[in-house]
Every structure is written in C-alpha cells, then in structure tokens.
Amino acid sequence: MIRRLLAALLITLAAGTACASADQGASGGRDGQSPGRVTLRVGDQKAGSEALLKAAGLLDGTSYTITFSQFTSGPPLLEAVNAGAVDIGGVGNTPPVFAAAAGSKIKIVAAYRQSAKGSAILVPDGSPITSPAQLKGKKIAVAKGSSAHYHLLAVLKKEGLSFTDIQPQYLQPADALAAFSSGTVDAWAIWDPFTSQAEIQHKARLLIDGAGIVNGLGFQVAAPAALDDPGKRAAIGDFLTRLAKARVWAAAHQDEWAKVWARETGLPVEVADAAVANVVATPVVIDDSVVSSEQEIADAFTAAGLIPGSLTFSQFVDDRFNDIVRKAQQ
C-alpha cells in the first residue's frame, strides 16, 4: 500500500512539474538541461511562491533552474519533501507538526507571519449556527494536518469541546468547497483565498476567524538531503532571499499583487482583492518565540490524541538562513 501511494505521489508530482509555464522555465532558463546546472524543485500552493515571485519581478535571472509542483495543501506537500520528490516548499503552521510527528525528514528553514483573519470557520448563510459552541455534533470540513485543523482544534478547546464532540470531515479545499456549497457539511474550517472565495461566491458566513487564536505563522520547509547538497543549498539560500524580498514588495504593493495573483490563479479579481490583506506576509526570523509557539501547537495535538506521541519542534528547525530575512527587510 505504501509503495502504491508513493508511486501515485511521484506520478502526480511529475505531472505538476510538466505543466510548468514557459515563464517559469525562463526563471531558471530552458537551458537548465545543461550539465552541472542545479535544479531546485519547489512545492507550491494556490497563490503561492511562484505567483508572488512573478508579481515582484524576482523569478527570472537565477543561476539555477526552478521547477514548481502544485499541491492542494501543506500535508501532501510535506509528504513529497519527505519522499525526496521536492526540495523545498511553503506550508502553514500545522503541517510541519504532523510531518514531524510522523518522523518525516524535514527542516524548517524560513518563517513568515500573516494576518490570522484569513483563517476562518465558515457556515452557510442560512445556517442556524451563530456561535462556535453550536458546532457540537456538527459535520465540519477541514484538511487534516493543515493550519485550519489547528484553528478548529483551538476554537473547540476554547468552547470546552473536543474533536470527539464533532464529526470532522477530512477534505482537501476543492472537495470541501463542493461539500460546503452543497450543504453536505455544516461548517468549514479553511484559510484565504478560499475563505474570501466562499464568502463572495457562495455567500458563506464567518462564524469565527483566527484573530487571537492562531499564530499566523507559515514556513518554508526543506529536505535535509537538499540542504546537504552544496549546489542545492546555495540555490535554497538564493530562493529564500528572493522570496523574502517578494513578501516585502507584496506588503507595499497590495493592489498590484492582487491583480497579478488573480491572473496567475484564475481567481476572480474581487476574491483576490478581498483576500490580499490577509495573505501578505512579513518575513520573521526563526527565534525562540516562533519555536515555542509551534511547540504549543504540537502539544495541543498530542493532548487531543491527534498525533502519535510527543515531539520537540526545535529538532526540526534549521536557522542558518535567518540572516537572509534580516537583510531582506533592510
């Protein structure tokens, strides 16, 4: 079974990489087939690194080739990192916890923080649910191991509830949106841009966002094997530099970023406009406060019996690239 799943994953990644745009290829050059040229394989999500780097004008001119593979959420992306099919990729605050608990080979190499308001628990417009306490016994769509998973757990805990008090429906965003819009589930724990998409296109109603509940952190996570390779390690350093600069650019050019984002992802402009303030992110160094905040998430999932055993989050951190963040903000 494990071999079949891994084979399917690698086939999916190959298909995603084969769909790379001509512009993306130009970032490392189609001459990336020349002997000795490093290829950095980047895992990405909707409105992720590729779109951001393009918008900021920072995708071209690398001395290495970049290939992007698209994933529906952080957990499958980190499965690919662990399998050695991807060198680095961006995820939210919770996927590294689940990956670490599963013994995955990962290293967190960069961090950023965005508004917690994009994290949301939504209900249909006509739903009788008006408070989080009323989620008891309800079917709630959520991507397992995602940032939304922790948001949901934290909201339930605040209300004196646990996962045994609800009927979690573990669905990836596209399937969750279909279930939500058809009334198959009572609520949906999700993040932007899907939050704004559901609110604008499907008249979803916000039950509670993540303000004061989640830490808003996101990470770039690398494969240890890539970090051990001198060529790929240098490429990762350059990639993280560009990405940090692109985040600084996006925060200062939100209107422009929203337009490019809409064009690159196929999202309606009004959805991108609504979501952009919540998805722009500030690079932050991986310090003790970041590690302790993530340790709290890990401990919460351990206490709830949702991950096997306990883990020490600091063991999965590599802070050698912290100076890149500091320089990008100057």
Protein backbone atom coordinates (compact mmCIF):
# COMPACT_ATOMS: atom_id res chain seq x y z
CA MET A 1 0.00 0.00 0.00
CA ILE A 2 2.80 2.46 0.95
CA ARG A 3 4.62 1.73 -2.31
CA ARG A 4 1.44 2.33 -4.32
CA LEU A 5 0.79 5.64 -2.53
CA LEU A 6 4.35 6.80 -3.09
CA ALA A 7 4.20 5.83 -6.75
CA ALA A 8 0.96 7.78 -7.17
CA LEU A 9 2.52 10.78 -5.43
CA LEU A 10 5.55 10.78 -7.71
CA ILE A 11 3.35 10.50 -10.80
CA THR A 12 1.32 13.48 -9.59
CA LEU A 13 4.48 15.49 -9.00
CA ALA A 14 5.81 14.66 -12.43
CA ALA A 15 2.56 15.82 -13.99
CA GLY A 16 2.62 19.03 -11.98
CA THR A 17 6.19 19.76 -12.97
CA ALA A 18 5.46 19.00 -16.61
CA CYS A 19 2.77 21.68 -16.52
CA ALA A 20 5.32 24.38 -15.69
CA SER A 21 4.74 27.54 -17.66
CA ALA A 22 7.17 28.91 -20.20
CA ASP A 23 7.74 31.91 -17.95
CA GLN A 24 8.57 29.64 -15.05
CA GLY A 25 11.04 27.76 -17.17
CA ALA A 26 12.66 31.05 -18.04
CA SER A 27 13.30 31.67 -14.34
CA GLY A 28 15.98 29.05 -14.48
CA GLY A 29 16.13 29.04 -18.23
CA ARG A 30 15.10 26.25 -20.57
CA ASP A 31 18.82 25.74 -20.92
CA GLY A 32 18.54 24.25 -17.44
CA GLN A 33 19.26 20.91 -19.12
CA SER A 34 22.94 21.86 -19.43
CA PRO A 35 25.29 19.60 -17.45
CA GLY A 36 26.05 20.74 -13.92
CA ARG A 37 23.15 23.16 -13.65
CA VAL A 38 21.26 22.81 -10.37
CA THR A 39 17.50 22.25 -10.43
CA LEU A 40 15.59 23.37 -7.36
CA ARG A 41 12.26 21.56 -7.07
CA VAL A 42 9.76 23.77 -5.26
CA GLY A 43 6.44 22.64 -3.81
CA ASP A 44 3.78 25.33 -4.09
CA GLN A 45 0.14 26.01 -3.29
CA LYS A 46 -2.57 28.18 -4.76
CA ALA A 47 -1.42 31.82 -4.89
CA GLY A 48 1.93 30.71 -3.54
CA SER A 49 5.61 31.33 -4.19
CA GLU A 50 5.55 31.18 -7.97
CA ALA A 51 2.81 33.79 -8.34
CA LEU A 52 4.40 36.01 -5.70
CA LEU A 53 7.86 35.92 -7.26
CA LYS A 54 6.41 36.67 -10.69
CA ALA A 55 4.44 39.60 -9.37
CA ALA A 56 7.51 41.07 -7.67
CA GLY A 57 9.65 40.55 -10.76
CA LEU A 58 12.01 38.27 -8.86
CA LEU A 59 11.52 34.94 -10.62
CA ASP A 60 13.89 35.49 -13.54
CA GLY A 61 17.66 35.54 -13.70
CA THR A 62 18.57 32.70 -11.36
CA SER A 63 21.76 30.72 -11.89
CA TYR A 64 19.76 27.53 -11.35
CA THR A 65 16.55 26.06 -12.74
CA ILE A 66 13.35 26.22 -10.69
CA THR A 67 10.52 23.77 -11.22
CA PHE A 68 7.23 24.21 -9.37
CA SER A 69 4.77 21.47 -8.41
CA GLN A 70 1.31 22.42 -7.17
CA PHE A 71 -0.28 20.87 -4.07
CA THR A 72 -3.76 21.25 -2.60
CA SER A 73 -2.44 21.91 0.92
CA GLY A 74 0.60 21.63 3.16
CA PRO A 75 0.38 17.98 4.31
CA PRO A 76 0.72 16.39 0.84
CA LEU A 77 3.46 18.90 0.01
CA LEU A 78 5.49 17.76 3.02
CA GLU A 79 4.89 14.13 2.09
CA ALA A 80 6.68 14.98 -1.15
CA VAL A 81 9.52 16.69 0.73
CA ASN A 82 9.90 13.60 2.92
CA ALA A 83 9.84 11.32 -0.14
CA GLY A 84 12.64 13.33 -1.76
CA ALA A 85 10.42 14.40 -4.66
CA VAL A 86 10.53 18.10 -3.68
CA ASP A 87 13.47 20.07 -2.27
CA ILE A 88 11.57 22.88 -0.53
CA GLY A 89 8.04 24.19 -0.20
CA GLY A 90 5.78 26.61 1.64
CA VAL A 91 3.20 25.50 4.21
CA GLY A 92 1.20 26.87 7.13
CA ASN A 93 1.83 26.49 10.86
CA THR A 94 0.46 22.98 11.36
CA PRO A 95 1.73 20.70 8.55
CA PRO A 96 5.29 20.65 9.95
CA VAL A 97 3.91 19.42 13.28
CA PHE A 98 2.11 16.50 11.66
CA ALA A 99 5.09 15.71 9.44
CA ALA A 100 7.48 15.80 12.39
CA ALA A 101 5.18 13.58 14.44
CA ALA A 102 5.21 11.07 11.59
CA GLY A 103 9.00 11.01 11.61
CA SER A 104 9.35 12.81 8.28
CA LYS A 105 12.72 14.04 7.07
CA ILE A 106 12.13 17.82 7.08
CA LYS A 107 13.83 21.01 8.20
CA ILE A 108 12.07 24.37 8.71
CA VAL A 109 14.38 26.94 7.10
CA ALA A 110 12.36 30.17 6.91
CA ALA A 111 9.31 31.71 8.59
CA TYR A 112 6.80 34.44 7.94
CA ARG A 113 3.73 35.81 9.65
CA GLN A 114 0.42 36.92 8.16
CA SER A 115 -2.94 38.09 9.43
CA ALA A 116 -4.86 35.47 11.36
CA LYS A 117 -8.12 36.86 9.96
CA GLY A 118 -7.75 34.79 6.80
CA SER A 119 -8.16 31.65 8.91
CA ALA A 120 -11.87 31.08 9.26
CA ILE A 121 -14.63 28.75 10.28
CA LEU A 122 -17.49 29.36 7.89
CA VAL A 123 -21.13 28.35 7.89
CA PRO A 124 -23.75 28.64 5.12
CA ASP A 125 -25.64 31.91 5.00
CA GLY A 126 -28.88 30.34 6.23
CA SER A 127 -27.28 28.22 8.95
CA PRO A 128 -28.83 28.30 12.43
CA ILE A 129 -25.29 28.14 13.89
CA THR A 130 -24.43 31.51 15.36
CA SER A 131 -21.67 30.66 17.87
CA PRO A 132 -18.75 28.22 17.96
CA ALA A 133 -20.36 26.36 20.88
CA GLN A 134 -23.08 25.25 18.48
CA LEU A 135 -20.56 23.27 16.44
CA LYS A 136 -21.07 20.36 18.83
CA GLY A 137 -22.30 17.31 16.94
CA LYS A 138 -21.91 19.03 13.55
CA LYS A 139 -20.11 17.89 10.39
CA ILE A 140 -17.13 20.17 9.82
CA ALA A 141 -14.94 20.05 6.73
CA VAL A 142 -11.21 20.54 7.33
CA ALA A 143 -7.97 19.47 5.67
CA LYS A 144 -6.25 17.08 8.07
CA GLY A 145 -2.94 18.38 9.37
CA SER A 146 -3.47 21.84 7.88
CA SER A 147 -3.41 25.21 9.63
CA ALA A 148 -7.21 25.07 9.60
CA HIS A 149 -7.03 21.84 11.59
CA TYR A 150 -5.32 23.61 14.47
CA HIS A 151 -7.64 26.63 14.22
CA LEU A 152 -10.60 24.29 14.58
CA LEU A 153 -8.99 22.43 17.48
CA ALA A 154 -8.21 25.69 19.29
CA VAL A 155 -11.73 27.05 18.80
CA LEU A 156 -13.27 23.84 20.11
CA LYS A 157 -10.97 23.85 23.13
CA LYS A 158 -11.93 27.45 23.89
CA GLU A 159 -15.57 26.35 23.95
CA GLY A 160 -14.87 23.36 26.18
CA LEU A 161 -15.30 20.95 23.27
CA SER A 162 -13.02 18.37 21.67
CA PHE A 163 -12.80 16.58 18.33
CA THR A 164 -14.89 13.77 19.79
CA ASP A 165 -17.72 16.28 20.11
CA ILE A 166 -17.86 16.97 16.35
CA GLN A 167 -17.91 14.96 13.12
CA PRO A 168 -14.74 16.03 11.31
CA GLN A 169 -14.87 15.56 7.55
CA TYR A 170 -11.27 15.43 6.34
CA LEU A 171 -11.38 17.02 2.90
CA GLN A 172 -8.95 18.96 0.73
CA PRO A 173 -10.10 22.52 -0.16
CA ALA A 174 -11.71 21.77 -3.54
CA ASP A 175 -13.70 18.84 -2.16
CA ALA A 176 -14.54 20.79 0.98
CA LEU A 177 -15.88 23.69 -1.08
CA ALA A 178 -18.11 21.31 -3.03
CA ALA A 179 -19.37 19.73 0.20
CA PHE A 180 -19.92 23.12 1.80
CA SER A 181 -21.78 24.63 -1.16
CA SER A 182 -24.00 21.55 -1.50
CA GLY A 183 -24.92 21.52 2.20
CA THR A 184 -23.22 18.19 2.87
CA VAL A 185 -21.32 19.70 5.80
CA ASP A 186 -22.45 22.16 8.47
CA ALA A 187 -19.27 24.23 8.62
CA TRP A 188 -15.86 24.59 7.00
CA ALA A 189 -12.50 25.41 8.60
CA ILE A 190 -10.34 26.99 5.91
CA TRP A 191 -7.84 29.73 5.02
CA ASP A 192 -7.62 32.52 2.45
CA PRO A 193 -8.02 32.78 -0.51
CA PHE A 194 -10.62 30.03 -0.05
CA THR A 195 -12.22 31.99 2.78
CA SER A 196 -12.87 35.00 0.55
CA GLN A 197 -13.91 32.77 -2.34
CA ALA A 198 -16.55 31.04 -0.21
CA GLU A 199 -17.82 34.33 1.23
CA ILE A 200 -18.09 36.09 -2.13
CA GLN A 201 -19.11 33.28 -4.48
CA HIS A 202 -21.08 31.05 -2.12
CA LYS A 203 -22.44 33.56 0.40
CA ALA A 204 -20.66 31.84 3.29
CA ARG A 205 -20.96 33.50 6.69
CA LEU A 206 -17.99 33.93 9.01
CA LEU A 207 -18.51 32.19 12.33
CA ILE A 208 -15.09 32.99 13.79
CA ASP A 209 -11.68 33.92 12.40
CA GLY A 210 -8.24 33.19 13.78
CA ALA A 211 -7.53 36.54 15.41
CA GLY A 212 -6.23 35.92 18.92
CA ILE A 213 -6.41 32.16 18.36
CA VAL A 214 -3.75 31.16 15.82
CA ASN A 215 -0.22 32.48 15.40
CA GLY A 216 -0.44 33.29 11.68
CA LEU A 217 2.91 31.64 11.01
CA GLY A 218 3.92 29.95 7.80
CA PHE A 219 7.15 28.24 6.81
CA GLN A 220 9.44 27.19 4.04
CA VAL A 221 10.39 23.58 4.71
CA ALA A 222 13.33 21.85 3.04
CA ALA A 223 14.52 18.30 2.61
CA PRO A 224 17.68 17.56 4.63
CA ALA A 225 19.21 15.91 1.56
CA ALA A 226 18.82 19.16 -0.40
CA LEU A 227 20.48 21.11 2.41
CA ASP A 228 23.38 18.65 2.41
CA ASP A 229 23.97 19.22 -1.31
CA PRO A 230 26.20 22.32 -1.77
CA GLY A 231 24.61 23.33 -5.07
CA LYS A 232 21.05 22.99 -3.85
CA ARG A 233 21.89 24.62 -0.53
CA ALA A 234 23.15 27.69 -2.38
CA ALA A 235 20.03 27.68 -4.57
CA ILE A 236 17.84 27.46 -1.48
CA GLY A 237 19.60 30.46 0.04
CA ASP A 238 19.04 32.50 -3.11
CA PHE A 239 15.43 31.33 -3.39
CA LEU A 240 14.69 32.31 0.21
CA THR A 241 16.31 35.72 -0.38
CA ARG A 242 14.09 36.36 -3.39
CA LEU A 243 11.01 35.11 -1.56
CA ALA A 244 11.64 37.34 1.48
CA LYS A 245 12.09 40.36 -0.79
CA ALA A 246 8.93 39.44 -2.69
CA ARG A 247 6.94 39.35 0.55
CA VAL A 248 8.21 42.81 1.47
CA TRP A 249 7.23 44.00 -2.02
CA ALA A 250 3.72 42.49 -1.79
CA ALA A 251 3.01 44.18 1.54
CA ALA A 252 3.82 47.55 -0.04
CA HIS A 253 2.02 46.88 -3.36
CA GLN A 254 -1.16 45.06 -2.37
CA ASP A 255 -3.29 46.32 -5.27
CA GLU A 256 -0.72 45.27 -7.84
CA TRP A 257 -0.15 41.94 -6.12
CA ALA A 258 -3.88 41.22 -6.08
CA LYS A 259 -4.17 41.80 -9.84
CA VAL A 260 -1.27 39.52 -10.66
CA TRP A 261 -2.48 36.96 -8.15
CA ALA A 262 -5.92 36.87 -9.77
CA ARG A 263 -4.41 36.47 -13.22
CA GLU A 264 -2.00 33.72 -12.18
CA THR A 265 -4.50 31.67 -10.16
CA GLY A 266 -7.69 32.23 -12.14
CA LEU A 267 -9.40 33.68 -9.07
CA PRO A 268 -11.93 36.44 -9.69
CA VAL A 269 -10.42 39.87 -9.09
CA GLU A 270 -12.92 40.60 -6.33
CA VAL A 271 -11.79 37.46 -4.45
CA ALA A 272 -8.13 38.41 -4.76
CA ASP A 273 -8.88 41.97 -3.64
CA ALA A 274 -10.73 40.68 -0.57
CA ALA A 275 -8.06 38.16 0.38
CA VAL A 276 -4.86 40.07 -0.31
CA ALA A 277 -4.64 41.89 3.03
CA ASN A 278 -4.85 38.57 4.86
CA VAL A 279 -2.30 36.71 2.75
CA VAL A 280 0.53 39.23 2.52
CA ALA A 281 3.15 38.07 4.96
CA THR A 282 6.08 39.57 6.81
CA PRO A 283 9.30 37.52 6.93
CA VAL A 284 10.38 36.76 10.50
CA VAL A 285 13.46 35.10 11.92
CA ILE A 286 13.09 31.64 13.42
CA ASP A 287 13.69 32.55 17.06
CA ASP A 288 12.64 31.11 20.41
CA SER A 289 9.21 32.75 20.22
CA VAL A 290 8.48 31.05 16.89
CA VAL A 291 9.66 27.68 18.14
CA SER A 292 7.71 27.93 21.41
CA SER A 293 4.54 28.97 19.58
CA GLU A 294 4.82 25.93 17.32
CA GLN A 295 5.57 23.72 20.31
CA GLU A 296 2.23 24.81 21.79
CA ILE A 297 0.50 23.60 18.62
CA ALA A 298 2.31 20.28 18.80
CA ASP A 299 1.41 19.84 22.46
CA ALA A 300 -2.24 20.64 21.75
CA PHE A 301 -2.46 17.94 19.08
CA THR A 302 -0.66 15.46 21.35
CA ALA A 303 -3.09 16.20 24.21
CA ALA A 304 -6.03 15.69 21.85
CA GLY A 305 -4.64 12.35 20.69
CA LEU A 306 -4.49 13.58 17.10
CA ILE A 307 -0.78 12.92 16.58
CA PRO A 308 1.22 9.94 17.86
CA GLY A 309 3.22 10.72 20.98
CA SER A 310 5.02 13.97 21.67
CA LEU A 311 7.69 15.82 19.72
CA THR A 312 10.30 18.53 20.23
CA PHE A 313 9.71 21.07 17.48
CA SER A 314 13.17 22.64 17.75
CA GLN A 315 14.71 19.41 16.46
CA PHE A 316 13.14 20.10 13.07
CA VAL A 317 14.42 23.68 12.75
CA ASP A 318 17.43 24.89 10.76
CA ASP A 319 18.03 28.60 11.38
CA ARG A 320 21.13 29.05 9.21
CA PHE A 321 19.17 31.27 6.79
CA ASN A 322 17.94 33.76 9.41
CA ASP A 323 20.32 36.46 8.16
CA ILE A 324 18.57 36.35 4.79
CA VAL A 325 15.37 37.53 6.45
CA ARG A 326 17.15 40.34 8.27
CA LYS A 327 18.81 41.61 5.09
CA ALA A 328 15.62 41.40 3.03
CA GLN A 329 13.86 43.71 5.43
CA GLN A 330 16.54 46.42 5.27
